[in-house]
N, C-alpha and C. Protein backbone atom coordinates (compact mmCIF):
# COMPACT_ATOMS: atom_id res chain seq x y z
N MET A 1 12.83 -5.59 -7.67
CA MET A 1 12.25 -5.29 -6.37
C MET A 1 10.99 -6.16 -6.22
N ARG A 2 10.83 -6.76 -5.06
CA ARG A 2 9.65 -7.58 -4.77
C ARG A 2 8.51 -6.67 -4.30
N ILE A 3 7.36 -6.80 -4.95
CA ILE A 3 6.21 -6.01 -4.49
C ILE A 3 5.01 -6.93 -4.31
N TYR A 4 4.19 -6.56 -3.34
CA TYR A 4 2.97 -7.31 -3.07
C TYR A 4 1.93 -6.32 -2.59
N GLY A 5 0.71 -6.50 -3.04
CA GLY A 5 -0.32 -5.54 -2.71
C GLY A 5 -1.34 -6.03 -1.70
N VAL A 6 -1.97 -5.07 -1.07
CA VAL A 6 -3.15 -5.29 -0.24
C VAL A 6 -4.22 -4.40 -0.84
N THR A 7 -5.30 -5.01 -1.27
CA THR A 7 -6.35 -4.26 -1.94
C THR A 7 -7.69 -4.57 -1.30
N GLY A 8 -8.71 -3.87 -1.71
CA GLY A 8 -10.05 -4.07 -1.18
C GLY A 8 -10.81 -2.77 -1.25
N TRP A 9 -12.09 -2.87 -0.98
CA TRP A 9 -12.94 -1.68 -0.99
C TRP A 9 -12.71 -0.85 0.27
N LYS A 10 -13.25 0.35 0.29
CA LYS A 10 -13.16 1.24 1.45
C LYS A 10 -13.71 0.53 2.70
N ASN A 11 -13.02 0.71 3.81
CA ASN A 11 -13.38 0.14 5.12
C ASN A 11 -13.30 -1.38 5.17
N ALA A 12 -12.52 -1.97 4.26
CA ALA A 12 -12.37 -3.43 4.26
C ALA A 12 -11.27 -3.90 5.20
N GLY A 13 -10.47 -2.98 5.73
CA GLY A 13 -9.41 -3.37 6.64
C GLY A 13 -8.02 -3.34 6.03
N LYS A 14 -7.87 -2.67 4.90
CA LYS A 14 -6.57 -2.63 4.21
C LYS A 14 -5.48 -2.00 5.06
N THR A 15 -5.75 -0.82 5.60
CA THR A 15 -4.71 -0.09 6.32
C THR A 15 -4.29 -0.82 7.59
N GLY A 16 -5.24 -1.36 8.32
CA GLY A 16 -4.90 -2.14 9.52
C GLY A 16 -4.07 -3.36 9.17
N LEU A 17 -4.44 -4.05 8.09
CA LEU A 17 -3.67 -5.22 7.65
C LEU A 17 -2.27 -4.80 7.23
N MET A 18 -2.17 -3.71 6.48
CA MET A 18 -0.85 -3.21 6.08
C MET A 18 0.02 -2.93 7.30
N GLU A 19 -0.54 -2.23 8.26
CA GLU A 19 0.21 -1.88 9.47
C GLU A 19 0.72 -3.13 10.18
N ARG A 20 -0.16 -4.12 10.32
CA ARG A 20 0.24 -5.36 11.00
C ARG A 20 1.27 -6.13 10.19
N LEU A 21 1.12 -6.15 8.86
CA LEU A 21 2.09 -6.85 8.01
C LEU A 21 3.46 -6.20 8.06
N VAL A 22 3.51 -4.88 8.03
CA VAL A 22 4.80 -4.19 8.13
C VAL A 22 5.48 -4.57 9.45
N ALA A 23 4.76 -4.52 10.55
CA ALA A 23 5.34 -4.86 11.85
C ALA A 23 5.78 -6.32 11.89
N GLU A 24 4.96 -7.23 11.37
CA GLU A 24 5.30 -8.66 11.37
C GLU A 24 6.52 -8.95 10.51
N ILE A 25 6.55 -8.41 9.31
CA ILE A 25 7.63 -8.74 8.38
C ILE A 25 8.94 -8.06 8.77
N THR A 26 8.89 -6.81 9.23
CA THR A 26 10.12 -6.17 9.71
C THR A 26 10.60 -6.84 10.99
N GLY A 27 9.68 -7.35 11.79
CA GLY A 27 10.04 -8.09 13.00
C GLY A 27 10.79 -9.37 12.69
N ARG A 28 10.67 -9.86 11.49
CA ARG A 28 11.40 -11.06 11.05
C ARG A 28 12.75 -10.70 10.43
N GLY A 29 13.08 -9.42 10.43
CA GLY A 29 14.39 -8.99 9.94
C GLY A 29 14.44 -8.50 8.51
N TYR A 30 13.31 -8.43 7.84
CA TYR A 30 13.28 -7.93 6.46
C TYR A 30 13.04 -6.42 6.45
N THR A 31 13.53 -5.77 5.40
CA THR A 31 13.25 -4.35 5.22
C THR A 31 12.01 -4.21 4.33
N VAL A 32 11.14 -3.28 4.72
CA VAL A 32 9.87 -3.09 4.02
C VAL A 32 9.63 -1.61 3.80
N SER A 33 9.17 -1.28 2.61
CA SER A 33 8.67 0.06 2.33
C SER A 33 7.21 -0.08 1.89
N THR A 34 6.48 1.01 1.93
CA THR A 34 5.07 0.96 1.54
C THR A 34 4.76 2.06 0.54
N VAL A 35 3.76 1.78 -0.29
CA VAL A 35 3.20 2.77 -1.20
C VAL A 35 1.70 2.74 -0.95
N LYS A 36 1.11 3.90 -0.75
CA LYS A 36 -0.33 4.02 -0.48
C LYS A 36 -0.95 4.90 -1.54
N HIS A 37 -1.98 4.40 -2.20
CA HIS A 37 -2.70 5.21 -3.19
C HIS A 37 -3.83 5.96 -2.51
N ALA A 38 -3.96 7.23 -2.84
CA ALA A 38 -5.06 8.05 -2.34
C ALA A 38 -5.91 8.46 -3.53
N HIS A 39 -7.22 8.34 -3.40
CA HIS A 39 -8.12 8.70 -4.49
C HIS A 39 -8.52 10.17 -4.45
N HIS A 40 -7.88 10.94 -3.62
CA HIS A 40 -8.27 12.33 -3.45
C HIS A 40 -7.02 13.17 -3.26
N SER A 41 -7.18 14.46 -3.31
CA SER A 41 -6.07 15.34 -3.03
C SER A 41 -5.72 15.25 -1.55
N PHE A 42 -4.46 15.28 -1.25
CA PHE A 42 -4.05 15.23 0.15
C PHE A 42 -2.89 16.19 0.33
N ASP A 43 -2.60 16.52 1.57
CA ASP A 43 -1.52 17.44 1.85
C ASP A 43 -0.78 16.97 3.09
N VAL A 44 0.54 16.82 2.96
CA VAL A 44 1.36 16.47 4.12
C VAL A 44 1.99 17.72 4.71
N ASP A 45 1.65 18.82 4.12
CA ASP A 45 2.19 20.11 4.50
C ASP A 45 1.20 20.88 5.36
N GLN A 46 1.70 21.80 6.14
CA GLN A 46 0.85 22.64 6.99
C GLN A 46 0.84 24.07 6.45
N PRO A 47 -0.35 24.61 6.16
CA PRO A 47 -0.40 26.01 5.70
C PRO A 47 0.33 26.94 6.68
N GLY A 48 1.09 27.84 6.10
CA GLY A 48 1.85 28.80 6.90
C GLY A 48 3.28 28.37 7.17
N LYS A 49 3.56 27.06 7.10
CA LYS A 49 4.93 26.58 7.32
C LYS A 49 5.78 26.91 6.09
N ASP A 50 7.08 27.00 6.28
CA ASP A 50 7.97 27.39 5.19
C ASP A 50 7.84 26.48 3.97
N SER A 51 7.82 25.17 4.19
CA SER A 51 7.76 24.24 3.06
C SER A 51 6.46 24.42 2.28
N HIS A 52 5.37 24.66 2.98
CA HIS A 52 4.08 24.90 2.32
C HIS A 52 4.15 26.19 1.50
N ARG A 53 4.77 27.20 2.07
CA ARG A 53 4.89 28.47 1.37
C ARG A 53 5.72 28.32 0.10
N HIS A 54 6.77 27.51 0.17
CA HIS A 54 7.62 27.27 -1.01
C HIS A 54 6.80 26.59 -2.12
N ARG A 55 6.03 25.58 -1.73
CA ARG A 55 5.23 24.82 -2.70
C ARG A 55 4.15 25.69 -3.32
N VAL A 56 3.43 26.44 -2.49
CA VAL A 56 2.37 27.32 -2.98
C VAL A 56 2.94 28.41 -3.90
N ALA A 57 4.17 28.82 -3.64
CA ALA A 57 4.81 29.83 -4.47
C ALA A 57 5.15 29.30 -5.86
N GLY A 58 5.13 27.97 -6.03
CA GLY A 58 5.36 27.41 -7.37
C GLY A 58 6.47 26.40 -7.49
N ALA A 59 7.14 26.06 -6.39
CA ALA A 59 8.22 25.07 -6.47
C ALA A 59 7.67 23.72 -6.96
N THR A 60 8.39 23.08 -7.85
CA THR A 60 7.99 21.76 -8.32
C THR A 60 8.25 20.72 -7.24
N GLU A 61 9.42 20.82 -6.61
CA GLU A 61 9.74 19.91 -5.51
C GLU A 61 10.19 20.71 -4.30
N VAL A 62 9.81 20.21 -3.13
CA VAL A 62 10.25 20.78 -1.87
C VAL A 62 10.76 19.62 -1.03
N LEU A 63 12.02 19.69 -0.62
CA LEU A 63 12.60 18.67 0.24
C LEU A 63 12.70 19.26 1.64
N LEU A 64 12.03 18.64 2.57
CA LEU A 64 12.04 19.07 3.96
C LEU A 64 12.89 18.07 4.73
N ALA A 65 13.90 18.55 5.45
CA ALA A 65 14.84 17.63 6.10
C ALA A 65 15.13 18.05 7.53
N SER A 66 15.32 17.03 8.36
CA SER A 66 15.78 17.23 9.74
C SER A 66 16.74 16.08 10.04
N ARG A 67 17.23 16.02 11.25
CA ARG A 67 18.13 14.91 11.57
C ARG A 67 17.38 13.60 11.75
N ASN A 68 16.05 13.65 11.86
CA ASN A 68 15.26 12.43 12.06
C ASN A 68 14.66 11.85 10.79
N ARG A 69 14.39 12.71 9.78
CA ARG A 69 13.75 12.22 8.55
C ARG A 69 13.80 13.30 7.49
N PHE A 70 13.50 12.90 6.25
CA PHE A 70 13.28 13.89 5.21
C PHE A 70 12.04 13.49 4.43
N ALA A 71 11.41 14.46 3.84
CA ALA A 71 10.23 14.24 3.00
C ALA A 71 10.40 15.06 1.74
N LEU A 72 10.21 14.41 0.60
CA LEU A 72 10.27 15.09 -0.67
C LEU A 72 8.86 15.20 -1.21
N MET A 73 8.40 16.41 -1.40
CA MET A 73 7.08 16.65 -1.97
C MET A 73 7.28 17.10 -3.40
N HIS A 74 6.59 16.42 -4.31
CA HIS A 74 6.66 16.77 -5.73
C HIS A 74 5.26 17.17 -6.16
N GLU A 75 5.12 18.39 -6.57
CA GLU A 75 3.83 18.92 -6.99
C GLU A 75 3.56 18.51 -8.43
N LEU A 76 2.47 17.82 -8.66
CA LEU A 76 2.10 17.37 -10.00
C LEU A 76 1.25 18.47 -10.65
N ARG A 77 1.90 19.45 -11.16
CA ARG A 77 1.20 20.61 -11.69
C ARG A 77 0.50 20.29 -13.01
N GLU A 78 1.18 19.59 -13.91
CA GLU A 78 0.57 19.27 -15.20
C GLU A 78 0.83 17.84 -15.64
N GLU A 79 1.66 17.11 -14.92
CA GLU A 79 2.07 15.77 -15.35
C GLU A 79 0.96 14.72 -15.24
N GLY A 80 0.01 14.90 -14.37
CA GLY A 80 -0.99 13.88 -14.12
C GLY A 80 -0.49 12.88 -13.09
N GLU A 81 -1.36 11.97 -12.72
CA GLU A 81 -1.01 11.00 -11.67
C GLU A 81 0.07 10.04 -12.15
N PRO A 82 1.13 9.87 -11.34
CA PRO A 82 2.21 8.95 -11.74
C PRO A 82 1.76 7.50 -11.66
N THR A 83 2.38 6.67 -12.46
CA THR A 83 2.09 5.23 -12.42
C THR A 83 2.76 4.62 -11.20
N LEU A 84 2.25 3.47 -10.79
CA LEU A 84 2.88 2.74 -9.69
C LEU A 84 4.33 2.41 -10.05
N GLU A 85 4.56 1.99 -11.27
CA GLU A 85 5.91 1.65 -11.71
C GLU A 85 6.88 2.82 -11.55
N SER A 86 6.45 4.02 -11.92
CA SER A 86 7.33 5.19 -11.80
C SER A 86 7.57 5.54 -10.33
N LEU A 87 6.58 5.34 -9.49
CA LEU A 87 6.76 5.61 -8.06
C LEU A 87 7.72 4.61 -7.41
N LEU A 88 7.62 3.35 -7.80
CA LEU A 88 8.50 2.32 -7.24
C LEU A 88 9.97 2.63 -7.54
N GLN A 89 10.24 3.25 -8.67
CA GLN A 89 11.61 3.60 -9.05
C GLN A 89 12.20 4.68 -8.14
N LYS A 90 11.36 5.39 -7.41
CA LYS A 90 11.83 6.45 -6.52
C LYS A 90 12.24 5.92 -5.14
N LEU A 91 11.88 4.68 -4.84
CA LEU A 91 12.16 4.10 -3.53
C LEU A 91 13.59 3.55 -3.45
N SER A 92 14.15 3.61 -2.26
CA SER A 92 15.43 2.97 -2.01
C SER A 92 15.22 1.46 -1.98
N PRO A 93 16.24 0.67 -2.31
CA PRO A 93 16.09 -0.78 -2.31
C PRO A 93 15.72 -1.33 -0.91
N VAL A 94 14.77 -2.24 -0.90
CA VAL A 94 14.34 -2.95 0.31
C VAL A 94 14.02 -4.38 -0.09
N ASP A 95 13.79 -5.23 0.91
CA ASP A 95 13.42 -6.61 0.62
C ASP A 95 12.03 -6.71 0.00
N LEU A 96 11.09 -5.89 0.48
CA LEU A 96 9.71 -6.00 0.03
C LEU A 96 9.03 -4.63 0.07
N VAL A 97 8.28 -4.32 -0.98
CA VAL A 97 7.42 -3.14 -0.99
C VAL A 97 5.99 -3.63 -0.91
N LEU A 98 5.27 -3.18 0.11
CA LEU A 98 3.85 -3.48 0.25
C LEU A 98 3.07 -2.29 -0.31
N VAL A 99 2.11 -2.58 -1.17
CA VAL A 99 1.36 -1.55 -1.87
C VAL A 99 -0.10 -1.61 -1.43
N GLU A 100 -0.60 -0.51 -0.89
CA GLU A 100 -2.01 -0.43 -0.50
C GLU A 100 -2.78 0.30 -1.58
N GLY A 101 -3.81 -0.37 -2.09
CA GLY A 101 -4.59 0.21 -3.17
C GLY A 101 -4.10 -0.29 -4.51
N TYR A 102 -4.16 0.56 -5.52
CA TYR A 102 -3.74 0.20 -6.88
C TYR A 102 -4.37 -1.11 -7.31
N LYS A 103 -5.67 -1.25 -7.08
CA LYS A 103 -6.34 -2.52 -7.36
C LYS A 103 -6.34 -2.89 -8.83
N ARG A 104 -6.19 -1.92 -9.73
CA ARG A 104 -6.22 -2.22 -11.17
C ARG A 104 -4.85 -2.59 -11.73
N ASP A 105 -3.79 -2.38 -10.96
CA ASP A 105 -2.45 -2.74 -11.42
C ASP A 105 -2.27 -4.25 -11.37
N ARG A 106 -1.26 -4.76 -12.04
CA ARG A 106 -1.14 -6.20 -12.28
C ARG A 106 -0.22 -6.94 -11.30
N HIS A 107 0.24 -6.31 -10.24
CA HIS A 107 1.08 -7.01 -9.26
C HIS A 107 0.21 -7.95 -8.41
N PRO A 108 0.82 -8.97 -7.79
CA PRO A 108 0.04 -9.89 -6.94
C PRO A 108 -0.46 -9.19 -5.68
N LYS A 109 -1.65 -9.62 -5.22
CA LYS A 109 -2.29 -8.94 -4.09
C LYS A 109 -3.02 -9.92 -3.19
N VAL A 110 -3.25 -9.46 -1.97
CA VAL A 110 -4.19 -10.08 -1.03
C VAL A 110 -5.35 -9.11 -0.92
N GLU A 111 -6.56 -9.63 -1.00
CA GLU A 111 -7.73 -8.77 -0.83
C GLU A 111 -8.19 -8.80 0.61
N ALA A 112 -8.34 -7.61 1.21
CA ALA A 112 -8.96 -7.49 2.53
C ALA A 112 -10.46 -7.38 2.30
N PHE A 113 -11.23 -8.18 3.03
CA PHE A 113 -12.67 -8.23 2.80
C PHE A 113 -13.41 -8.28 4.13
N ARG A 114 -14.34 -7.36 4.30
CA ARG A 114 -15.24 -7.37 5.46
C ARG A 114 -16.67 -7.45 4.94
N ALA A 115 -17.42 -8.41 5.43
CA ALA A 115 -18.80 -8.62 4.97
C ALA A 115 -19.67 -7.40 5.26
N GLU A 116 -19.43 -6.72 6.38
CA GLU A 116 -20.29 -5.61 6.79
C GLU A 116 -20.29 -4.43 5.82
N THR A 117 -19.30 -4.33 4.95
CA THR A 117 -19.27 -3.20 4.00
C THR A 117 -20.31 -3.38 2.89
N GLY A 118 -20.73 -4.62 2.66
CA GLY A 118 -21.72 -4.88 1.62
C GLY A 118 -21.17 -4.85 0.21
N ASN A 119 -19.87 -4.72 0.07
CA ASN A 119 -19.25 -4.69 -1.25
C ASN A 119 -19.00 -6.11 -1.77
N PRO A 120 -18.97 -6.27 -3.08
CA PRO A 120 -18.68 -7.59 -3.64
C PRO A 120 -17.20 -7.93 -3.49
N LEU A 121 -16.90 -9.19 -3.58
CA LEU A 121 -15.52 -9.67 -3.55
C LEU A 121 -14.85 -9.31 -4.87
N ILE A 122 -13.73 -8.64 -4.81
CA ILE A 122 -12.99 -8.26 -6.02
C ILE A 122 -12.33 -9.49 -6.64
N ALA A 123 -11.88 -10.41 -5.80
CA ALA A 123 -11.12 -11.58 -6.25
C ALA A 123 -11.87 -12.41 -7.28
N THR A 124 -13.18 -12.38 -7.25
CA THR A 124 -14.00 -13.18 -8.17
C THR A 124 -13.61 -12.93 -9.62
N ASP A 125 -13.29 -11.68 -9.96
CA ASP A 125 -12.98 -11.32 -11.34
C ASP A 125 -11.55 -10.83 -11.53
N ASP A 126 -10.67 -11.07 -10.58
CA ASP A 126 -9.31 -10.53 -10.67
C ASP A 126 -8.27 -11.60 -10.34
N PRO A 127 -7.60 -12.16 -11.35
CA PRO A 127 -6.61 -13.21 -11.10
C PRO A 127 -5.34 -12.71 -10.40
N THR A 128 -5.13 -11.38 -10.31
CA THR A 128 -3.95 -10.88 -9.60
C THR A 128 -4.13 -10.99 -8.08
N ILE A 129 -5.35 -11.20 -7.64
CA ILE A 129 -5.59 -11.41 -6.21
C ILE A 129 -5.33 -12.88 -5.91
N ARG A 130 -4.25 -13.12 -5.19
CA ARG A 130 -3.76 -14.48 -4.95
C ARG A 130 -4.36 -15.13 -3.71
N ALA A 131 -4.95 -14.30 -2.82
CA ALA A 131 -5.57 -14.80 -1.59
C ALA A 131 -6.52 -13.73 -1.06
N VAL A 132 -7.40 -14.16 -0.15
CA VAL A 132 -8.34 -13.24 0.47
C VAL A 132 -8.18 -13.34 1.99
N ALA A 133 -8.16 -12.18 2.65
CA ALA A 133 -8.13 -12.11 4.11
C ALA A 133 -9.49 -11.55 4.51
N SER A 134 -10.31 -12.36 5.18
CA SER A 134 -11.70 -12.00 5.42
C SER A 134 -12.10 -12.17 6.88
N ASP A 135 -13.16 -11.45 7.25
CA ASP A 135 -13.72 -11.59 8.59
C ASP A 135 -14.89 -12.57 8.60
N THR A 136 -15.13 -13.24 7.47
CA THR A 136 -16.24 -14.18 7.36
C THR A 136 -15.83 -15.35 6.47
N ALA A 137 -16.51 -16.47 6.62
CA ALA A 137 -16.24 -17.63 5.78
C ALA A 137 -16.68 -17.35 4.35
N LEU A 138 -15.87 -17.77 3.39
CA LEU A 138 -16.17 -17.57 1.98
C LEU A 138 -15.83 -18.84 1.22
N THR A 139 -16.50 -19.06 0.12
CA THR A 139 -16.14 -20.15 -0.78
C THR A 139 -15.48 -19.52 -1.99
N ILE A 140 -14.17 -19.69 -2.09
CA ILE A 140 -13.41 -19.10 -3.19
C ILE A 140 -12.39 -20.11 -3.70
N ASP A 141 -11.82 -19.81 -4.85
CA ASP A 141 -10.89 -20.71 -5.51
C ASP A 141 -9.41 -20.41 -5.22
N ARG A 142 -9.15 -19.74 -4.12
CA ARG A 142 -7.77 -19.43 -3.73
C ARG A 142 -7.69 -19.39 -2.20
N PRO A 143 -6.49 -19.29 -1.65
CA PRO A 143 -6.36 -19.33 -0.19
C PRO A 143 -7.19 -18.26 0.51
N LEU A 144 -7.79 -18.66 1.64
CA LEU A 144 -8.59 -17.77 2.46
C LEU A 144 -7.98 -17.73 3.85
N PHE A 145 -7.74 -16.52 4.35
CA PHE A 145 -7.16 -16.32 5.68
C PHE A 145 -8.11 -15.50 6.53
N ASP A 146 -8.04 -15.71 7.82
CA ASP A 146 -8.74 -14.84 8.75
C ASP A 146 -8.07 -13.47 8.65
N LEU A 147 -8.84 -12.41 8.54
CA LEU A 147 -8.33 -11.06 8.37
C LEU A 147 -7.35 -10.67 9.48
N ASN A 148 -7.50 -11.26 10.66
CA ASN A 148 -6.63 -10.93 11.78
C ASN A 148 -5.47 -11.89 11.99
N ASP A 149 -5.32 -12.88 11.11
CA ASP A 149 -4.22 -13.84 11.22
C ASP A 149 -3.01 -13.31 10.46
N THR A 150 -2.42 -12.28 11.00
CA THR A 150 -1.32 -11.58 10.35
C THR A 150 -0.15 -12.50 10.06
N LYS A 151 0.18 -13.38 11.00
CA LYS A 151 1.33 -14.28 10.82
C LYS A 151 1.12 -15.17 9.59
N ALA A 152 -0.06 -15.76 9.44
CA ALA A 152 -0.33 -16.64 8.30
C ALA A 152 -0.31 -15.86 6.99
N ILE A 153 -0.86 -14.66 6.99
CA ILE A 153 -0.87 -13.84 5.78
C ILE A 153 0.56 -13.44 5.41
N ALA A 154 1.36 -13.07 6.41
CA ALA A 154 2.77 -12.72 6.16
C ALA A 154 3.52 -13.94 5.63
N ASP A 155 3.29 -15.12 6.21
CA ASP A 155 3.93 -16.35 5.71
C ASP A 155 3.61 -16.55 4.24
N PHE A 156 2.33 -16.38 3.88
CA PHE A 156 1.88 -16.56 2.50
C PHE A 156 2.59 -15.57 1.56
N ILE A 157 2.60 -14.30 1.93
CA ILE A 157 3.21 -13.28 1.09
C ILE A 157 4.71 -13.54 0.92
N LEU A 158 5.39 -13.83 2.01
CA LEU A 158 6.83 -14.08 1.94
C LEU A 158 7.15 -15.29 1.08
N ALA A 159 6.32 -16.32 1.15
CA ALA A 159 6.50 -17.48 0.28
C ALA A 159 6.27 -17.10 -1.18
N GLU A 160 5.25 -16.29 -1.42
CA GLU A 160 4.92 -15.85 -2.79
C GLU A 160 6.08 -15.06 -3.43
N VAL A 161 6.78 -14.27 -2.64
CA VAL A 161 7.88 -13.45 -3.19
C VAL A 161 9.25 -14.10 -2.95
N ALA A 162 9.24 -15.32 -2.47
CA ALA A 162 10.48 -16.10 -2.27
C ALA A 162 11.43 -15.45 -1.26
N LEU A 163 10.88 -14.98 -0.15
CA LEU A 163 11.72 -14.48 0.95
C LEU A 163 11.62 -15.44 2.12
């Protein structure tokens, strides 16, 4: 499975770039799935709904299904946080998986960078970052793209994964 990441500090533009890349790449006829890392507890369930009640009662997995979609929730009661590799194995085959976050994992990535956040450039010390998408001019040793030039960033990623 081909995977490529979008990484960066908080408020660097990762989610917006991911959204635009998914639209651009699927618009070219490729299938894309995404994996998003959250650094905090989150809930896709609504308190009081049946699926939430099942999970709170102790179910390890709850599969919620309709004719439009299904969602499988797996409660990590004692297992700890799953690795990116183990999560990728749960996905159906697609042309490309775009991964948001997981900056410490070793897959190739584009770093989203906004000067206004005041954070340092991650790419300086991370060879897995193959390019930077920025809102400001930078002097770096790898390709630099305008953060809003989705087409050029998509071209770069697709070339990197041989699609």
